[in-house]
């Protein structure tokens, strides 16, 4: 005999709809926060809680938390002007949060000299898997 309940049973039980509503509200607050943050902070700061006018934000390292503390009053004022009951912003460091490294930088393609050398090497190879792979690589790099 087990007392385990399915997730749908737990969420449909009395009082649990508040959990869903709160989760949706915090997600909406996260979206608003992203618009207010400096671009270099976006994707690195997460809404942890909003209670009694204190917005708790979490980030992965103390250097970011330190830089963000100076933005706290501006963020609180902007959110307050949007109708949210935020008087103060508090930062928490959570090292277990993922680090945001920014968008992937495009990889440099092969130079024309390198492509010419590889093309010559491909032509000199006998038919086989290596020649086929080298040919695909050359064609892919010629496209970029």
N, C-alpha and C. Protein backbone atom coordinates (compact mmCIF):
# COMPACT_ATOMS: atom_id res chain seq x y z
N UNK A 1 0.84 -1.16 0.00
CA UNK A 1 0.00 0.00 0.00
C UNK A 1 0.89 1.24 0.00
N UNK A 2 0.51 2.23 -0.84
CA UNK A 2 1.33 3.44 -0.95
C UNK A 2 0.46 4.68 -0.84
N UNK A 3 1.03 5.74 -0.32
CA UNK A 3 0.32 7.01 -0.20
C UNK A 3 0.71 7.96 -1.33
N UNK A 4 1.42 7.48 -2.32
CA UNK A 4 1.86 8.33 -3.42
C UNK A 4 0.67 8.79 -4.24
N UNK A 5 0.75 10.08 -4.65
CA UNK A 5 -0.29 10.65 -5.50
C UNK A 5 0.35 11.12 -6.79
N UNK A 6 -0.42 11.10 -7.85
CA UNK A 6 0.11 11.61 -9.10
C UNK A 6 0.19 13.13 -9.03
N UNK A 7 0.98 13.70 -9.89
CA UNK A 7 1.13 15.15 -9.92
C UNK A 7 -0.21 15.83 -10.19
N UNK A 8 -1.00 15.28 -11.09
CA UNK A 8 -2.30 15.89 -11.39
C UNK A 8 -3.22 15.86 -10.18
N UNK A 9 -3.15 14.78 -9.38
CA UNK A 9 -3.95 14.71 -8.15
C UNK A 9 -3.50 15.77 -7.14
N UNK A 10 -2.18 15.93 -7.02
CA UNK A 10 -1.66 16.93 -6.09
C UNK A 10 -2.07 18.34 -6.50
N UNK A 11 -1.95 18.64 -7.78
CA UNK A 11 -2.25 19.99 -8.24
C UNK A 11 -3.74 20.29 -8.25
N UNK A 12 -4.57 19.26 -8.31
CA UNK A 12 -6.01 19.49 -8.31
C UNK A 12 -6.60 19.50 -6.89
N UNK A 13 -5.77 19.20 -5.90
CA UNK A 13 -6.28 19.20 -4.53
C UNK A 13 -6.47 20.63 -4.04
N UNK A 14 -7.35 20.83 -3.03
CA UNK A 14 -7.64 22.17 -2.53
C UNK A 14 -6.36 22.88 -2.08
N UNK A 15 -6.26 24.16 -2.43
CA UNK A 15 -5.12 24.97 -2.02
C UNK A 15 -3.95 24.92 -2.99
N UNK A 16 -3.91 23.96 -3.88
CA UNK A 16 -2.78 23.84 -4.78
C UNK A 16 -2.89 24.75 -5.99
N UNK A 17 -4.09 25.22 -6.30
CA UNK A 17 -4.22 26.14 -7.42
C UNK A 17 -3.44 27.42 -7.13
N UNK A 18 -3.30 27.75 -5.84
CA UNK A 18 -2.49 28.91 -5.47
C UNK A 18 -1.04 28.72 -5.88
N UNK A 19 -0.55 27.49 -5.80
CA UNK A 19 0.83 27.21 -6.19
C UNK A 19 1.02 27.49 -7.68
N UNK A 20 0.07 27.02 -8.48
CA UNK A 20 0.14 27.26 -9.92
C UNK A 20 0.05 28.75 -10.23
N UNK A 21 -0.88 29.43 -9.59
CA UNK A 21 -1.03 30.87 -9.83
C UNK A 21 0.24 31.62 -9.45
N UNK A 22 0.83 31.24 -8.33
CA UNK A 22 2.06 31.89 -7.88
C UNK A 22 3.20 31.62 -8.86
N UNK A 23 3.29 30.40 -9.34
CA UNK A 23 4.31 30.06 -10.33
C UNK A 23 4.16 30.87 -11.61
N UNK A 24 2.94 31.02 -12.08
CA UNK A 24 2.68 31.82 -13.28
C UNK A 24 3.02 33.29 -13.03
N UNK A 25 2.69 33.79 -11.84
CA UNK A 25 2.99 35.18 -11.51
C UNK A 25 4.49 35.42 -11.46
N UNK A 26 5.24 34.48 -10.90
CA UNK A 26 6.70 34.64 -10.85
C UNK A 26 7.32 34.55 -12.24
N UNK A 27 6.76 33.72 -13.10
CA UNK A 27 7.26 33.66 -14.48
C UNK A 27 6.99 34.97 -15.22
N UNK A 28 5.81 35.54 -14.99
CA UNK A 28 5.49 36.82 -15.62
C UNK A 28 6.42 37.92 -15.08
N UNK A 29 6.71 37.86 -13.80
CA UNK A 29 7.63 38.82 -13.19
C UNK A 29 9.03 38.65 -13.78
N UNK A 30 9.44 37.43 -14.04
CA UNK A 30 10.74 37.17 -14.66
C UNK A 30 10.82 37.84 -16.03
N UNK A 31 9.74 37.74 -16.80
CA UNK A 31 9.71 38.36 -18.12
C UNK A 31 9.84 39.88 -18.02
N UNK A 32 9.17 40.47 -17.05
CA UNK A 32 9.29 41.92 -16.84
C UNK A 32 10.69 42.30 -16.41
N UNK A 33 11.26 41.48 -15.53
CA UNK A 33 12.61 41.74 -15.03
C UNK A 33 13.62 41.72 -16.18
N UNK A 34 13.50 40.75 -17.07
CA UNK A 34 14.44 40.64 -18.20
C UNK A 34 14.48 41.93 -19.01
N UNK A 35 13.33 42.57 -19.17
CA UNK A 35 13.27 43.82 -19.94
C UNK A 35 13.95 44.97 -19.22
N UNK A 36 14.03 44.90 -17.90
CA UNK A 36 14.62 45.99 -17.11
C UNK A 36 16.12 45.83 -16.90
N UNK A 37 16.60 44.61 -17.01
CA UNK A 37 18.02 44.34 -16.73
C UNK A 37 18.92 44.85 -17.85
N UNK A 38 20.11 45.29 -17.49
CA UNK A 38 21.09 45.59 -18.54
C UNK A 38 21.32 44.32 -19.37
N UNK A 39 21.60 44.50 -20.63
CA UNK A 39 21.71 43.35 -21.53
C UNK A 39 22.73 42.32 -21.05
N UNK A 40 23.81 42.78 -20.43
CA UNK A 40 24.84 41.83 -19.99
C UNK A 40 24.38 40.96 -18.82
N UNK A 41 23.28 41.32 -18.16
CA UNK A 41 22.77 40.54 -17.02
C UNK A 41 21.67 39.57 -17.42
N UNK A 42 21.09 39.77 -18.61
CA UNK A 42 19.95 38.95 -19.03
C UNK A 42 20.33 37.48 -19.15
N UNK A 43 19.45 36.62 -18.66
CA UNK A 43 19.70 35.19 -18.69
C UNK A 43 20.56 34.70 -17.53
N UNK A 44 20.97 35.63 -16.65
CA UNK A 44 21.82 35.27 -15.52
C UNK A 44 21.18 35.55 -14.18
N UNK A 45 20.06 36.27 -14.19
CA UNK A 45 19.39 36.67 -12.96
C UNK A 45 17.98 36.11 -12.99
N UNK A 46 17.58 35.48 -11.88
CA UNK A 46 16.30 34.79 -11.84
C UNK A 46 15.48 35.25 -10.65
N UNK A 47 14.17 35.40 -10.85
CA UNK A 47 13.26 35.75 -9.77
C UNK A 47 13.16 34.54 -8.85
N UNK A 48 13.45 34.76 -7.57
CA UNK A 48 13.35 33.67 -6.59
C UNK A 48 12.06 33.77 -5.80
N UNK A 49 11.66 35.02 -5.46
CA UNK A 49 10.46 35.19 -4.65
C UNK A 49 10.06 36.66 -4.65
N UNK A 50 8.82 36.91 -4.34
CA UNK A 50 8.31 38.25 -4.09
C UNK A 50 7.39 38.14 -2.89
N UNK A 51 7.84 38.71 -1.77
CA UNK A 51 7.09 38.59 -0.53
C UNK A 51 7.24 39.87 0.27
N UNK A 52 6.11 40.40 0.73
CA UNK A 52 6.09 41.60 1.56
C UNK A 52 6.86 42.75 0.93
N UNK A 53 6.73 42.92 -0.37
CA UNK A 53 7.37 44.04 -1.06
C UNK A 53 8.85 43.84 -1.36
N UNK A 54 9.39 42.67 -1.01
CA UNK A 54 10.81 42.40 -1.26
C UNK A 54 10.92 41.39 -2.41
N UNK A 55 11.54 41.83 -3.49
CA UNK A 55 11.79 40.97 -4.63
C UNK A 55 13.14 40.31 -4.43
N UNK A 56 13.16 39.00 -4.32
CA UNK A 56 14.41 38.25 -4.16
C UNK A 56 14.84 37.74 -5.52
N UNK A 57 16.07 38.08 -5.88
CA UNK A 57 16.64 37.64 -7.14
C UNK A 57 17.82 36.73 -6.86
N UNK A 58 18.03 35.76 -7.72
CA UNK A 58 19.13 34.82 -7.54
C UNK A 58 20.03 34.86 -8.77
N UNK A 59 21.33 34.72 -8.52
CA UNK A 59 22.30 34.61 -9.60
C UNK A 59 23.38 33.63 -9.17
N UNK A 60 24.24 33.24 -10.10
CA UNK A 60 25.18 32.15 -9.84
C UNK A 60 26.46 32.55 -9.12
N UNK A 61 26.82 33.83 -9.14
CA UNK A 61 28.09 34.20 -8.49
C UNK A 61 28.02 35.58 -7.87
N UNK A 62 28.87 35.79 -6.88
CA UNK A 62 28.83 37.02 -6.08
C UNK A 62 29.23 38.25 -6.87
N UNK A 63 30.08 38.12 -7.88
CA UNK A 63 30.46 39.29 -8.67
C UNK A 63 29.24 39.87 -9.38
N UNK A 64 28.40 39.03 -9.92
CA UNK A 64 27.18 39.50 -10.58
C UNK A 64 26.23 40.09 -9.55
N UNK A 65 26.08 39.44 -8.40
CA UNK A 65 25.20 39.96 -7.35
C UNK A 65 25.65 41.34 -6.91
N UNK A 66 26.94 41.53 -6.78
CA UNK A 66 27.49 42.82 -6.37
C UNK A 66 27.18 43.90 -7.40
N UNK A 67 27.37 43.59 -8.67
CA UNK A 67 27.07 44.58 -9.72
C UNK A 67 25.57 44.87 -9.78
N UNK A 68 24.76 43.85 -9.53
CA UNK A 68 23.31 44.02 -9.64
C UNK A 68 22.72 44.79 -8.47
N UNK A 69 23.37 44.78 -7.33
CA UNK A 69 22.85 45.51 -6.17
C UNK A 69 22.67 46.99 -6.48
N UNK A 70 23.56 47.54 -7.27
CA UNK A 70 23.43 48.95 -7.63
C UNK A 70 22.22 49.21 -8.52
N UNK A 71 21.73 48.18 -9.21
CA UNK A 71 20.54 48.31 -10.06
C UNK A 71 19.25 48.10 -9.28
N UNK A 72 19.34 47.60 -8.06
CA UNK A 72 18.16 47.26 -7.26
C UNK A 72 17.14 48.38 -7.12
N UNK A 73 17.54 49.58 -6.70
CA UNK A 73 16.56 50.66 -6.54
C UNK A 73 15.85 51.01 -7.86
N UNK A 74 16.59 51.02 -8.95
CA UNK A 74 15.97 51.34 -10.25
C UNK A 74 14.97 50.26 -10.65
N UNK A 75 15.33 48.99 -10.42
CA UNK A 75 14.43 47.88 -10.75
C UNK A 75 13.17 47.95 -9.90
N UNK A 76 13.33 48.19 -8.59
CA UNK A 76 12.18 48.28 -7.69
C UNK A 76 11.26 49.42 -8.12
N UNK A 77 11.83 50.56 -8.45
CA UNK A 77 11.02 51.72 -8.87
C UNK A 77 10.27 51.42 -10.16
N UNK A 78 10.96 50.83 -11.14
CA UNK A 78 10.32 50.51 -12.42
C UNK A 78 9.18 49.51 -12.25
N UNK A 79 9.40 48.47 -11.46
CA UNK A 79 8.34 47.48 -11.24
C UNK A 79 7.19 48.07 -10.45
N UNK A 80 7.50 48.94 -9.51
CA UNK A 80 6.46 49.61 -8.72
C UNK A 80 5.60 50.49 -9.63
N UNK A 81 6.24 51.16 -10.58
CA UNK A 81 5.50 51.99 -11.53
C UNK A 81 4.63 51.17 -12.47
N UNK A 82 4.96 49.89 -12.61
CA UNK A 82 4.16 48.98 -13.43
C UNK A 82 3.02 48.35 -12.63
N UNK A 83 2.87 48.77 -11.37
CA UNK A 83 1.77 48.29 -10.55
C UNK A 83 2.10 47.10 -9.66
N UNK A 84 3.36 46.75 -9.55
CA UNK A 84 3.76 45.64 -8.69
C UNK A 84 4.21 46.19 -7.34
N UNK A 85 3.89 45.46 -6.29
CA UNK A 85 4.23 45.91 -4.93
C UNK A 85 5.68 45.55 -4.60
N UNK A 86 6.61 46.24 -5.24
CA UNK A 86 8.03 46.00 -5.00
C UNK A 86 8.64 47.28 -4.42
N UNK A 87 9.14 47.18 -3.20
CA UNK A 87 9.81 48.32 -2.58
C UNK A 87 11.32 48.11 -2.49
N UNK A 88 11.74 46.84 -2.52
CA UNK A 88 13.14 46.53 -2.29
C UNK A 88 13.53 45.32 -3.13
N UNK A 89 14.80 45.29 -3.55
CA UNK A 89 15.33 44.14 -4.28
C UNK A 89 16.48 43.56 -3.48
N UNK A 90 16.42 42.26 -3.27
CA UNK A 90 17.44 41.55 -2.50
C UNK A 90 18.10 40.53 -3.41
N UNK A 91 19.42 40.43 -3.34
CA UNK A 91 20.16 39.49 -4.17
C UNK A 91 20.57 38.27 -3.35
N UNK A 92 20.50 37.10 -3.98
CA UNK A 92 20.98 35.86 -3.37
C UNK A 92 21.94 35.20 -4.35
N UNK A 93 23.01 34.66 -3.82
CA UNK A 93 23.95 33.93 -4.66
C UNK A 93 23.63 32.44 -4.53
N UNK A 94 23.39 31.83 -5.68
CA UNK A 94 23.09 30.40 -5.74
C UNK A 94 24.07 29.76 -6.72
N UNK A 95 25.19 29.25 -6.23
CA UNK A 95 26.20 28.68 -7.12
C UNK A 95 25.70 27.53 -7.98
N UNK A 96 24.58 26.91 -7.61
CA UNK A 96 24.05 25.79 -8.39
C UNK A 96 23.30 26.24 -9.64
N UNK A 97 23.09 27.55 -9.80
CA UNK A 97 22.41 28.05 -10.99
C UNK A 97 23.35 27.95 -12.19
N UNK A 98 22.77 27.77 -13.37
CA UNK A 98 23.63 27.67 -14.56
C UNK A 98 24.26 29.02 -14.88
N UNK A 99 25.49 28.98 -15.35
CA UNK A 99 26.16 30.20 -15.79
C UNK A 99 25.80 30.47 -17.23
N UNK A 100 25.49 31.70 -17.53
CA UNK A 100 25.17 32.11 -18.89
C UNK A 100 26.45 32.63 -19.53
N UNK A 101 26.83 32.07 -20.62
CA UNK A 101 28.09 32.45 -21.26
C UNK A 101 27.88 33.37 -22.46
N UNK A 102 26.65 33.75 -22.73
CA UNK A 102 26.38 34.61 -23.88
C UNK A 102 26.14 33.79 -25.13
N UNK A 103 25.77 34.47 -26.20
CA UNK A 103 25.49 33.75 -27.44
C UNK A 103 26.77 33.12 -28.00
N UNK A 104 26.59 32.01 -28.67
CA UNK A 104 27.74 31.35 -29.29
C UNK A 104 28.33 32.26 -30.36
N UNK A 105 29.64 32.34 -30.36
CA UNK A 105 30.33 33.15 -31.36
C UNK A 105 30.47 32.33 -32.63
N UNK A 106 30.27 32.98 -33.77
CA UNK A 106 30.42 32.22 -35.01
C UNK A 106 31.85 31.74 -35.17
N UNK A 107 31.99 30.53 -35.66
CA UNK A 107 33.31 29.96 -35.85
C UNK A 107 33.91 30.50 -37.15
N UNK A 108 35.19 30.77 -37.10
CA UNK A 108 35.88 31.24 -38.29
C UNK A 108 35.98 30.10 -39.29
N UNK A 109 35.75 30.40 -40.55
CA UNK A 109 35.86 29.39 -41.59
C UNK A 109 37.32 29.17 -41.95
N UNK A 110 37.54 28.24 -42.83
CA UNK A 110 38.90 27.98 -43.31
C UNK A 110 39.32 29.05 -44.30
N UNK A 111 40.57 29.40 -44.28
CA UNK A 111 41.09 30.38 -45.23
C UNK A 111 41.10 29.77 -46.63
N UNK A 112 41.22 30.63 -47.65
CA UNK A 112 41.26 30.14 -49.03
C UNK A 112 42.47 29.25 -49.26
N UNK A 113 43.59 29.60 -48.61
CA UNK A 113 44.80 28.78 -48.74
C UNK A 113 44.60 27.38 -48.16
N UNK A 114 43.93 27.33 -47.00
CA UNK A 114 43.68 26.03 -46.37
C UNK A 114 42.73 25.20 -47.23
N UNK A 115 41.70 25.86 -47.79
CA UNK A 115 40.76 25.14 -48.67
C UNK A 115 41.48 24.60 -49.91
N UNK A 116 42.38 25.40 -50.47
CA UNK A 116 43.12 24.96 -51.67
C UNK A 116 44.00 23.76 -51.34
N UNK A 117 44.66 23.81 -50.18
CA UNK A 117 45.52 22.71 -49.77
C UNK A 117 44.71 21.43 -49.55
N UNK A 118 43.55 21.57 -48.88
CA UNK A 118 42.70 20.40 -48.64
C UNK A 118 42.14 19.84 -49.95
N UNK A 119 41.78 20.72 -50.86
CA UNK A 119 41.25 20.28 -52.16
C UNK A 119 42.31 19.49 -52.92
N UNK A 120 43.55 19.99 -52.89
CA UNK A 120 44.66 19.28 -53.54
C UNK A 120 44.87 17.92 -52.89
N UNK A 121 44.82 17.88 -51.55
CA UNK A 121 45.01 16.61 -50.84
C UNK A 121 43.90 15.63 -51.19
N UNK A 122 42.67 16.14 -51.30
CA UNK A 122 41.54 15.26 -51.66
C UNK A 122 41.73 14.66 -53.05
N UNK A 123 42.20 15.49 -53.97
CA UNK A 123 42.39 15.01 -55.35
C UNK A 123 43.47 13.94 -55.43
N UNK A 124 44.45 14.01 -54.54
CA UNK A 124 45.56 13.06 -54.57
C UNK A 124 45.23 11.74 -53.86
N UNK A 125 44.17 11.74 -53.05
CA UNK A 125 43.79 10.53 -52.32
C UNK A 125 43.08 9.53 -53.23
N UNK A 126 43.28 8.27 -52.91
CA UNK A 126 42.54 7.22 -53.62
C UNK A 126 41.11 7.22 -53.08
N UNK A 127 40.20 6.70 -53.88
CA UNK A 127 38.80 6.63 -53.44
C UNK A 127 38.71 5.86 -52.14
N UNK A 128 37.84 6.36 -51.26
CA UNK A 128 37.66 5.70 -49.98
C UNK A 128 36.96 6.64 -49.00
N UNK A 129 36.85 6.18 -47.78
CA UNK A 129 36.12 6.94 -46.77
C UNK A 129 36.79 8.28 -46.47
N UNK A 130 38.12 8.29 -46.36
CA UNK A 130 38.83 9.54 -46.05
C UNK A 130 38.60 10.58 -47.13
N UNK A 131 38.67 10.18 -48.39
CA UNK A 131 38.45 11.10 -49.49
C UNK A 131 37.02 11.65 -49.46
N UNK A 132 36.08 10.78 -49.16
CA UNK A 132 34.67 11.19 -49.08
C UNK A 132 34.44 12.21 -47.96
N UNK A 133 34.99 11.93 -46.79
CA UNK A 133 34.83 12.83 -45.64
C UNK A 133 35.50 14.17 -45.92
N UNK A 134 36.69 14.13 -46.47
CA UNK A 134 37.41 15.36 -46.79
C UNK A 134 36.64 16.18 -47.82
N UNK A 135 36.06 15.52 -48.80
CA UNK A 135 35.25 16.21 -49.81
C UNK A 135 34.04 16.91 -49.20
N UNK A 136 33.35 16.23 -48.27
CA UNK A 136 32.20 16.85 -47.60
C UNK A 136 32.63 18.07 -46.79
N UNK A 137 33.77 17.94 -46.10
CA UNK A 137 34.25 19.05 -45.29
C UNK A 137 34.59 20.25 -46.18
N UNK A 138 35.22 20.01 -47.30
CA UNK A 138 35.58 21.10 -48.21
C UNK A 138 34.33 21.78 -48.75
N UNK A 139 33.34 21.00 -49.15
CA UNK A 139 32.08 21.57 -49.68
C UNK A 139 31.37 22.41 -48.62
N UNK A 140 31.36 21.90 -47.39
CA UNK A 140 30.71 22.63 -46.29
C UNK A 140 31.39 23.98 -46.06
N UNK A 141 32.71 23.99 -46.09
CA UNK A 141 33.44 25.24 -45.83
C UNK A 141 33.39 26.19 -47.02
N UNK A 142 33.19 25.70 -48.21
CA UNK A 142 33.06 26.58 -49.36
C UNK A 142 31.74 27.34 -49.33
N UNK A 143 30.72 26.76 -48.68
CA UNK A 143 29.40 27.39 -48.58
C UNK A 143 29.44 28.62 -47.67
N UNK A 144 30.31 28.61 -46.65
CA UNK A 144 30.33 29.71 -45.68
C UNK A 144 31.23 30.83 -46.07
